[in-house]
PDB file of N, CA and C in Angstrom:
ATOM      1  N   MET A   1     122.843  88.957 208.896  1.00  0.00           N
ATOM      2  CA  MET A   1     124.190  88.667 209.340  1.00  0.00           C
ATOM      3  C   MET A   1     125.158  89.509 208.497  1.00  0.00           C
ATOM      4  N   SER A   2     126.073  90.187 209.131  1.00  0.00           N
ATOM      5  CA  SER A   2     127.008  91.028 208.384  1.00  0.00           C
ATOM      6  C   SER A   2     128.163  90.188 207.846  1.00  0.00           C
ATOM      7  N   GLN A   3     128.693  90.641 206.724  1.00  0.00           N
ATOM      8  CA  GLN A   3     129.804  89.951 206.086  1.00  0.00           C
ATOM      9  C   GLN A   3     131.119  90.511 206.604  1.00  0.00           C
ATOM     10  N   PRO A   4     132.155  89.669 206.668  1.00  0.00           N
ATOM     11  CA  PRO A   4     133.461  90.189 207.094  1.00  0.00           C
ATOM     12  C   PRO A   4     134.013  91.180 206.077  1.00  0.00           C
ATOM     13  N   GLU A   5     134.924  92.049 206.539  1.00  0.00           N
ATOM     14  CA  GLU A   5     135.512  93.073 205.671  1.00  0.00           C
ATOM     15  C   GLU A   5     136.149  92.493 204.423  1.00  0.00           C
ATOM     16  N   THR A   6     136.661  91.275 204.505  1.00  0.00           N
ATOM     17  CA  THR A   6     137.335  90.691 203.348  1.00  0.00           C
ATOM     18  C   THR A   6     136.375  90.419 202.207  1.00  0.00           C
ATOM     19  N   THR A   7     135.090  90.289 202.491  1.00  0.00           N
ATOM     20  CA  THR A   7     134.119  90.055 201.424  1.00  0.00           C
ATOM     21  C   THR A   7     133.350  91.323 201.072  1.00  0.00           C
ATOM     22  N   ARG A   8     133.605  92.408 201.769  1.00  0.00           N
ATOM     23  CA  ARG A   8     132.948  93.681 201.485  1.00  0.00           C
ATOM     24  C   ARG A   8     134.011  94.729 201.193  1.00  0.00           C
ATOM     25  N   PRO A   9     134.459  94.782 199.943  1.00  0.00           N
ATOM     26  CA  PRO A   9     135.532  95.724 199.587  1.00  0.00           C
ATOM     27  C   PRO A   9     135.187  97.160 199.952  1.00  0.00           C
ATOM     28  N   PHE A  10     136.193  97.884 200.353  1.00  0.00           N
ATOM     29  CA  PHE A  10     136.133  99.303 200.698  1.00  0.00           C
ATOM     30  C   PHE A  10     135.339  99.592 201.971  1.00  0.00           C
ATOM     31  N   LEU A  11     134.882  98.560 202.677  1.00  0.00           N
ATOM     32  CA  LEU A  11     134.096  98.765 203.895  1.00  0.00           C
ATOM     33  C   LEU A  11     134.861  99.574 204.934  1.00  0.00           C
ATOM     34  N   LYS A  12     136.165  99.327 205.054  1.00  0.00           N
ATOM     35  CA  LYS A  12     136.928 100.064 206.065  1.00  0.00           C
ATOM     36  C   LYS A  12     137.088 101.540 205.713  1.00  0.00           C
ATOM     37  N   TYR A  13     136.704 101.915 204.493  1.00  0.00           N
ATOM     38  CA  TYR A  13     136.768 103.319 204.067  1.00  0.00           C
ATOM     39  C   TYR A  13     135.374 103.947 203.986  1.00  0.00           C
ATOM     40  N   TRP A  14     134.404 103.319 204.628  1.00  0.00           N
ATOM     41  CA  TRP A  14     133.020 103.775 204.553  1.00  0.00           C
ATOM     42  C   TRP A  14     132.880 105.226 205.011  1.00  0.00           C
ATOM     43  N   ASP A  15     133.527 105.593 206.098  1.00  0.00           N
ATOM     44  CA  ASP A  15     133.423 106.975 206.606  1.00  0.00           C
ATOM     45  C   ASP A  15     133.911 107.983 205.574  1.00  0.00           C
ATOM     46  N   CYS A  16     134.971 107.651 204.893  1.00  0.00           N
ATOM     47  CA  CYS A  16     135.512 108.525 203.848  1.00  0.00           C
ATOM     48  C   CYS A  16     134.520 108.651 202.696  1.00  0.00           C
ATOM     49  N   LEU A  17     133.958 107.529 202.278  1.00  0.00           N
ATOM     50  CA  LEU A  17     132.973 107.548 201.190  1.00  0.00           C
ATOM     51  C   LEU A  17     131.745 108.368 201.582  1.00  0.00           C
ATOM     52  N   GLU A  18     131.295 108.167 202.800  1.00  0.00           N
ATOM     53  CA  GLU A  18     130.117 108.884 203.279  1.00  0.00           C
ATOM     54  C   GLU A  18     130.375 110.391 203.343  1.00  0.00           C
ATOM     55  N   GLU A  19     131.565 110.767 203.811  1.00  0.00           N
ATOM     56  CA  GLU A  19     131.915 112.187 203.880  1.00  0.00           C
ATOM     57  C   GLU A  19     131.942 112.818 202.482  1.00  0.00           C
ATOM     58  N   LEU A  20     132.543 112.123 201.524  1.00  0.00           N
ATOM     59  CA  LEU A  20     132.572 112.640 200.152  1.00  0.00           C
ATOM     60  C   LEU A  20     131.161 112.769 199.580  1.00  0.00           C
ATOM     61  N   GLU A  21     130.314 111.793 199.859  1.00  0.00           N
ATOM     62  CA  GLU A  21     128.934 111.838 199.364  1.00  0.00           C
ATOM     63  C   GLU A  21     128.169 113.015 199.968  1.00  0.00           C
ATOM     64  N   MET A  22     128.348 113.264 201.247  1.00  0.00           N
ATOM     65  CA  MET A  22     127.671 114.396 201.889  1.00  0.00           C
ATOM     66  C   MET A  22     128.167 115.723 201.313  1.00  0.00           C
ATOM     67  N   LYS A  23     129.445 115.816 201.020  1.00  0.00           N
ATOM     68  CA  LYS A  23     129.976 117.029 200.402  1.00  0.00           C
ATOM     69  C   LYS A  23     129.423 117.200 198.987  1.00  0.00           C
ATOM     70  N   ARG A  24     129.261 116.094 198.270  1.00  0.00           N
ATOM     71  CA  ARG A  24     128.689 116.165 196.927  1.00  0.00           C
ATOM     72  C   ARG A  24     127.241 116.648 197.000  1.00  0.00           C
ATOM     73  N   ARG A  25     126.485 116.086 197.918  1.00  0.00           N
ATOM     74  CA  ARG A  25     125.063 116.468 198.056  1.00  0.00           C
ATOM     75  C   ARG A  25     124.885 117.927 198.442  1.00  0.00           C
ATOM     76  N   SER A  26     125.812 118.443 199.241  1.00  0.00           N
ATOM     77  CA  SER A  26     125.695 119.835 199.673  1.00  0.00           C
ATOM     78  C   SER A  26     126.342 120.808 198.691  1.00  0.00           C
ATOM     79  N   GLY A  27     126.930 120.289 197.616  1.00  0.00           N
ATOM     80  CA  GLY A  27     127.508 121.141 196.591  1.00  0.00           C
ATOM     81  C   GLY A  27     128.940 121.572 196.859  1.00  0.00           C
ATOM     82  N   VAL A  28     129.559 121.041 197.902  1.00  0.00           N
ATOM     83  CA  VAL A  28     130.941 121.404 198.227  1.00  0.00           C
ATOM     84  C   VAL A  28     131.908 120.809 197.202  1.00  0.00           C
ATOM     85  N   VAL A  29     131.599 119.619 196.715  1.00  0.00           N
ATOM     86  CA  VAL A  29     132.385 118.997 195.653  1.00  0.00           C
ATOM     87  C   VAL A  29     131.467 118.762 194.458  1.00  0.00           C
ATOM     88  N   PRO A  30     132.003 118.833 193.254  1.00  0.00           N
ATOM     89  CA  PRO A  30     131.170 118.675 192.058  1.00  0.00           C
ATOM     90  C   PRO A  30     130.530 117.286 191.961  1.00  0.00           C
ATOM     91  N   ASP A  31     129.385 117.236 191.330  1.00  0.00           N
ATOM     92  CA  ASP A  31     128.685 115.969 191.090  1.00  0.00           C
ATOM     93  C   ASP A  31     129.283 115.337 189.836  1.00  0.00           C
ATOM     94  N   ASP A  32     130.488 114.806 189.996  1.00  0.00           N
ATOM     95  CA  ASP A  32     131.241 114.250 188.879  1.00  0.00           C
ATOM     96  C   ASP A  32     131.883 112.955 189.354  1.00  0.00           C
ATOM     97  N   ARG A  33     131.479 111.840 188.766  1.00  0.00           N
ATOM     98  CA  ARG A  33     131.972 110.528 189.215  1.00  0.00           C
ATOM     99  C   ARG A  33     133.485 110.413 189.149  1.00  0.00           C
ATOM    100  N   HIS A  34     134.056 110.927 188.083  1.00  0.00           N
ATOM    101  CA  HIS A  34     135.510 110.820 187.923  1.00  0.00           C
ATOM    102  C   HIS A  34     136.230 111.612 189.016  1.00  0.00           C
ATOM    103  N   LEU A  35     135.792 112.833 189.269  1.00  0.00           N
ATOM    104  CA  LEU A  35     136.417 113.644 190.311  1.00  0.00           C
ATOM    105  C   LEU A  35     136.216 113.040 191.698  1.00  0.00           C
ATOM    106  N   MET A  36     135.048 112.453 191.917  1.00  0.00           N
ATOM    107  CA  MET A  36     134.791 111.799 193.206  1.00  0.00           C
ATOM    108  C   MET A  36     135.730 110.610 193.389  1.00  0.00           C
ATOM    109  N   THR A  37     135.927 109.846 192.322  1.00  0.00           N
ATOM    110  CA  THR A  37     136.825 108.697 192.389  1.00  0.00           C
ATOM    111  C   THR A  37     138.252 109.163 192.672  1.00  0.00           C
ATOM    112  N   LEU A  38     138.688 110.200 191.973  1.00  0.00           N
ATOM    113  CA  LEU A  38     140.031 110.740 192.204  1.00  0.00           C
ATOM    114  C   LEU A  38     140.193 111.217 193.653  1.00  0.00           C
ATOM    115  N   SER A  39     139.188 111.893 194.173  1.00  0.00           N
ATOM    116  CA  SER A  39     139.242 112.379 195.559  1.00  0.00           C
ATOM    117  C   SER A  39     139.328 111.219 196.537  1.00  0.00           C
ATOM    118  N   PHE A  40     138.548 110.177 196.279  1.00  0.00           N
ATOM    119  CA  PHE A  40     138.560 109.008 197.150  1.00  0.00           C
ATOM    120  C   PHE A  40     139.925 108.330 197.132  1.00  0.00           C
ATOM    121  N   ILE A  41     140.473 108.134 195.938  1.00  0.00           N
ATOM    122  CA  ILE A  41     141.790 107.494 195.820  1.00  0.00           C
ATOM    123  C   ILE A  41     142.854 108.340 196.502  1.00  0.00           C
ATOM    124  N   GLU A  42     142.771 109.650 196.340  1.00  0.00           N
ATOM    125  CA  GLU A  42     143.743 110.537 196.980  1.00  0.00           C
ATOM    126  C   GLU A  42     143.687 110.400 198.496  1.00  0.00           C
ATOM    127  N   ARG A  43     142.503 110.269 199.040  1.00  0.00           N
ATOM    128  CA  ARG A  43     142.348 110.162 200.498  1.00  0.00           C
ATOM    129  C   ARG A  43     142.844 108.839 201.067  1.00  0.00           C
ATOM    130  N   ILE A  44     142.539 107.742 200.383  1.00  0.00           N
ATOM    131  CA  ILE A  44     142.912 106.439 200.953  1.00  0.00           C
ATOM    132  C   ILE A  44     144.262 105.942 200.448  1.00  0.00           C
ATOM    133  N   GLY A  45     144.750 106.520 199.363  1.00  0.00           N
ATOM    134  CA  GLY A  45     146.030 106.116 198.787  1.00  0.00           C
ATOM    135  C   GLY A  45     145.838 105.101 197.670  1.00  0.00           C
ATOM    136  N   GLY A  46     146.650 105.232 196.648  1.00  0.00           N
ATOM    137  CA  GLY A  46     146.556 104.362 195.479  1.00  0.00           C
ATOM    138  C   GLY A  46     146.762 102.894 195.801  1.00  0.00           C
ATOM    139  N   GLU A  47     147.733 102.597 196.671  1.00  0.00           N
ATOM    140  CA  GLU A  47     148.003 101.201 197.027  1.00  0.00           C
ATOM    141  C   GLU A  47     146.803 100.570 197.714  1.00  0.00           C
ATOM    142  N   ASN A  48     146.171 101.317 198.633  1.00  0.00           N
ATOM    143  CA  ASN A  48     144.989 100.810 199.332  1.00  0.00           C
ATOM    144  C   ASN A  48     143.830 100.606 198.360  1.00  0.00           C
ATOM    145  N   PHE A  49     143.669 101.550 197.435  1.00  0.00           N
ATOM    146  CA  PHE A  49     142.597 101.409 196.452  1.00  0.00           C
ATOM    147  C   PHE A  49     142.810 100.147 195.617  1.00  0.00           C
ATOM    148  N   LEU A  50     144.025  99.937 195.152  1.00  0.00           N
ATOM    149  CA  LEU A  50     144.326  98.761 194.332  1.00  0.00           C
ATOM    150  C   LEU A  50     144.084  97.469 195.099  1.00  0.00           C
ATOM    151  N   GLU A  51     144.453  97.450 196.360  1.00  0.00           N
ATOM    152  CA  GLU A  51     144.257  96.245 197.174  1.00  0.00           C
ATOM    153  C   GLU A  51     142.767  95.914 197.299  1.00  0.00           C
ATOM    154  N   GLU A  52     141.960  96.914 197.532  1.00  0.00           N
ATOM    155  CA  GLU A  52     140.515  96.698 197.646  1.00  0.00           C
ATOM    156  C   GLU A  52     139.891  96.375 196.283  1.00  0.00           C
ATOM    157  N   ALA A  53     140.379  97.031 195.234  1.00  0.00           N
ATOM    158  CA  ALA A  53     139.821  96.846 193.889  1.00  0.00           C
ATOM    159  C   ALA A  53     139.966  95.412 193.400  1.00  0.00           C
ATOM    160  N   LYS A  54     140.956  94.696 193.909  1.00  0.00           N
ATOM    161  CA  LYS A  54     141.136  93.300 193.513  1.00  0.00           C
ATOM    162  C   LYS A  54     139.906  92.458 193.829  1.00  0.00           C
ATOM    163  N   ASN A  55     139.103  92.916 194.779  1.00  0.00           N
ATOM    164  CA  ASN A  55     137.926  92.176 195.220  1.00  0.00           C
ATOM    165  C   ASN A  55     136.626  92.690 194.607  1.00  0.00           C
ATOM    166  N   VAL A  56     136.744  93.572 193.616  1.00  0.00           N
ATOM    167  CA  VAL A  56     135.549  94.134 192.967  1.00  0.00           C
ATOM    168  C   VAL A  56     135.578  93.735 191.494  1.00  0.00           C
ATOM    169  N   HIS A  57     134.687  92.838 191.135  1.00  0.00           N
ATOM    170  CA  HIS A  57     134.683  92.289 189.781  1.00  0.00           C
ATOM    171  C   HIS A  57     134.575  93.384 188.719  1.00  0.00           C
ATOM    172  N   SER A  58     133.699  94.352 188.916  1.00  0.00           N
ATOM    173  CA  SER A  58     133.513  95.388 187.899  1.00  0.00           C
ATOM    174  C   SER A  58     134.788  96.202 187.681  1.00  0.00           C
ATOM    175  N   LEU A  59     135.543  96.452 188.739  1.00  0.00           N
ATOM    176  CA  LEU A  59     136.792  97.211 188.586  1.00  0.00           C
ATOM    177  C   LEU A  59     137.851  96.393 187.856  1.00  0.00           C
ATOM    178  N   THR A  60     137.937  95.122 188.171  1.00  0.00           N
ATOM    179  CA  THR A  60     138.916  94.290 187.463  1.00  0.00           C
ATOM    180  C   THR A  60     138.531  94.139 185.994  1.00  0.00           C
ATOM    181  N   GLU A  61     137.230  94.106 185.708  1.00  0.00           N
ATOM    182  CA  GLU A  61     136.776  94.011 184.317  1.00  0.00           C
ATOM    183  C   GLU A  61     137.050  95.297 183.538  1.00  0.00           C
ATOM    184  N   ILE A  62     136.901  96.444 184.187  1.00  0.00           N
ATOM    185  CA  ILE A  62     137.238  97.707 183.521  1.00  0.00           C
ATOM    186  C   ILE A  62     138.724  97.714 183.172  1.00  0.00           C
ATOM    187  N   GLY A  63     139.544  97.290 184.115  1.00  0.00           N
ATOM    188  CA  GLY A  63     140.979  97.195 183.845  1.00  0.00           C
ATOM    189  C   GLY A  63     141.263  96.258 182.684  1.00  0.00           C
ATOM    190  N   ARG A  64     140.611  95.115 182.678  1.00  0.00           N
ATOM    191  CA  ARG A  64     140.800  94.136 181.600  1.00  0.00           C
ATOM    192  C   ARG A  64     140.348  94.712 180.259  1.00  0.00           C
ATOM    193  N   PHE A  65     139.234  95.423 180.252  1.00  0.00           N
ATOM    194  CA  PHE A  65     138.712  96.039 179.029  1.00  0.00           C
ATOM    195  C   PHE A  65     139.742  96.978 178.409  1.00  0.00           C
ATOM    196  N   TYR A  66     140.443  97.732 179.262  1.00  0.00           N
ATOM    197  CA  TYR A  66     141.449  98.685 178.786  1.00  0.00           C
ATOM    198  C   TYR A  66     142.848  98.081 178.698  1.00  0.00           C
ATOM    199  N   GLY A  67     142.968  96.784 178.927  1.00  0.00           N
ATOM    200  CA  GLY A  67     144.274  96.129 178.853  1.00  0.00           C
ATOM    201  C   GLY A  67     145.214  96.558 179.966  1.00  0.00           C
ATOM    202  N   ASN A  68     144.647  96.827 181.134  1.00  0.00           N
ATOM    203  CA  ASN A  68     145.411  97.340 182.259  1.00  0.00           C
ATOM    204  C   ASN A  68     145.245  96.389 183.441  1.00  0.00           C
ATOM    205  N   ARG A  69     146.343  95.858 183.943  1.00  0.00           N
ATOM    206  CA  ARG A  69     146.280  94.876 185.031  1.00  0.00           C
ATOM    207  C   ARG A  69     146.052  95.500 186.409  1.00  0.00           C
ATOM    208  N   MET A  70     146.184  96.794 186.504  1.00  0.00           N
ATOM    209  CA  MET A  70     146.008  97.518 187.772  1.00  0.00           C
ATOM    210  C   MET A  70     146.836  96.882 188.896  1.00  0.00           C
ATOM    211  N   GLU A  71     148.105  96.716 188.630  1.00  0.00           N
ATOM    212  CA  GLU A  71     148.999  96.127 189.626  1.00  0.00           C
ATOM    213  C   GLU A  71     149.795  97.178 190.394  1.00  0.00           C
ATOM    214  N   THR A  72     149.994  98.339 189.784  1.00  0.00           N
ATOM    215  CA  THR A  72     150.785  99.391 190.426  1.00  0.00           C
ATOM    216  C   THR A  72     150.004 100.694 190.431  1.00  0.00           C
ATOM    217  N   VAL A  73     150.480 101.626 191.229  1.00  0.00           N
ATOM    218  CA  VAL A  73     149.850 102.945 191.261  1.00  0.00           C
ATOM    219  C   VAL A  73     149.956 103.610 189.889  1.00  0.00           C
ATOM    220  N   GLU A  74     151.046 103.347 189.182  1.00  0.00           N
ATOM    221  CA  GLU A  74     151.204 103.900 187.826  1.00  0.00           C
ATOM    222  C   GLU A  74     150.142 103.316 186.885  1.00  0.00           C
ATOM    223  N   ASP A  75     149.859 102.015 187.022  1.00  0.00           N
ATOM    224  CA  ASP A  75     148.791 101.392 186.228  1.00  0.00           C
ATOM    225  C   ASP A  75     147.459 102.060 186.523  1.00  0.00           C
ATOM    226  N   LEU A  76     147.203 102.308 187.800  1.00  0.00           N
ATOM    227  CA  LEU A  76     145.956 102.950 188.199  1.00  0.00           C
ATOM    228  C   LEU A  76     145.853 104.352 187.601  1.00  0.00           C
ATOM    229  N   ALA A  77     146.934 105.111 187.648  1.00  0.00           N
ATOM    230  CA  ALA A  77     146.938 106.461 187.073  1.00  0.00           C
ATOM    231  C   ALA A  77     146.659 106.407 185.576  1.00  0.00           C
ATOM    232  N   GLN A  78     147.260 105.438 184.900  1.00  0.00           N
ATOM    233  CA  GLN A  78     147.025 105.291 183.465  1.00  0.00           C
ATOM    234  C   GLN A  78     145.559 104.944 183.188  1.00  0.00           C
ATOM    235  N   LEU A  79     145.008 104.035 183.968  1.00  0.00           N
ATOM    236  CA  LEU A  79     143.610 103.649 183.778  1.00  0.00           C
ATOM    237  C   LEU A  79     142.672 104.827 184.023  1.00  0.00           C
ATOM    238  N   LEU A  80     142.958 105.609 185.040  1.00  0.00           N
ATOM    239  CA  LEU A  80     142.120 106.777 185.332  1.00  0.00           C
ATOM    240  C   LEU A  80     142.141 107.771 184.173  1.00  0.00           C
ATOM    241  N   LYS A  81     143.273 107.924 183.527  1.00  0.00           N
ATOM    242  CA  LYS A  81     143.346 108.789 182.345  1.00  0.00           C
ATOM    243  C   LYS A  81     142.544 108.194 181.195  1.00  0.00           C
ATOM    244  N   GLN A  82     142.599 106.865 181.045  1.00  0.00           N
ATOM    245  CA  GLN A  82     141.874 106.210 179.964  1.00  0.00           C
ATOM    246  C   GLN A  82     140.356 106.356 180.123  1.00  0.00           C
ATOM    247  N   VAL A  83     139.861 106.288 181.350  1.00  0.00           N
ATOM    248  CA  VAL A  83     138.409 106.343 181.562  1.00  0.00           C
ATOM    249  C   VAL A  83     137.893 107.752 181.773  1.00  0.00           C
ATOM    250  N   GLU A  84     138.779 108.717 181.856  1.00  0.00           N
ATOM    251  CA  GLU A  84     138.397 110.082 182.186  1.00  0.00           C
ATOM    252  C   GLU A  84     137.260 110.627 181.319  1.00  0.00           C
ATOM    253  N   SER A  85     137.314 110.387 180.029  1.00  0.00           N
ATOM    254  CA  SER A  85     136.292 110.944 179.133  1.00  0.00           C
ATOM    255  C   SER A  85     135.247 109.912 178.737  1.00  0.00           C
ATOM    256  N   SER A  86     135.288 108.740 179.329  1.00  0.00           N
ATOM    257  CA  SER A  86     134.320 107.693 178.993  1.00  0.00           C
ATOM    258  C   SER A  86     132.999 107.928 179.730  1.00  0.00           C
ATOM    259  N   PRO A  87     131.895 107.999 179.017  1.00  0.00           N
ATOM    260  CA  PRO A  87     130.609 108.209 179.684  1.00  0.00           C
ATOM    261  C   PRO A  87     130.131 106.961 180.440  1.00  0.00           C
ATOM    262  N   THR A  88     130.697 105.802 180.129  1.00  0.00           N
ATOM    263  CA  THR A  88     130.236 104.575 180.771  1.00  0.00           C
ATOM    264  C   THR A  88     131.143 104.078 181.874  1.00  0.00           C
ATOM    265  N   HIS A  89     132.416 104.429 181.850  1.00  0.00           N
ATOM    266  CA  HIS A  89     133.332 103.974 182.889  1.00  0.00           C
ATOM    267  C   HIS A  89     133.717 105.138 183.732  1.00  0.00           C
TER     268      HIS A  89
END
């Protein structure tokens, strides 16, 4: 039985994720998690990413770890800079 979109974050952006993954596999985009995340956010928009991220425990925990509430696009930009050089986030 499939779950509704409200319980499956980012499901409505599946085509975008799949396209980015295919480009990564074919070498069109670098195999870099941070760059892939930036590309994804750029495509769907920061506000949309934040709305979906509210439903992903690991993303909210990363924000909490860095003392970032991820409430605004500016918060998201700051968090992305904070995790940019982190090998684990």
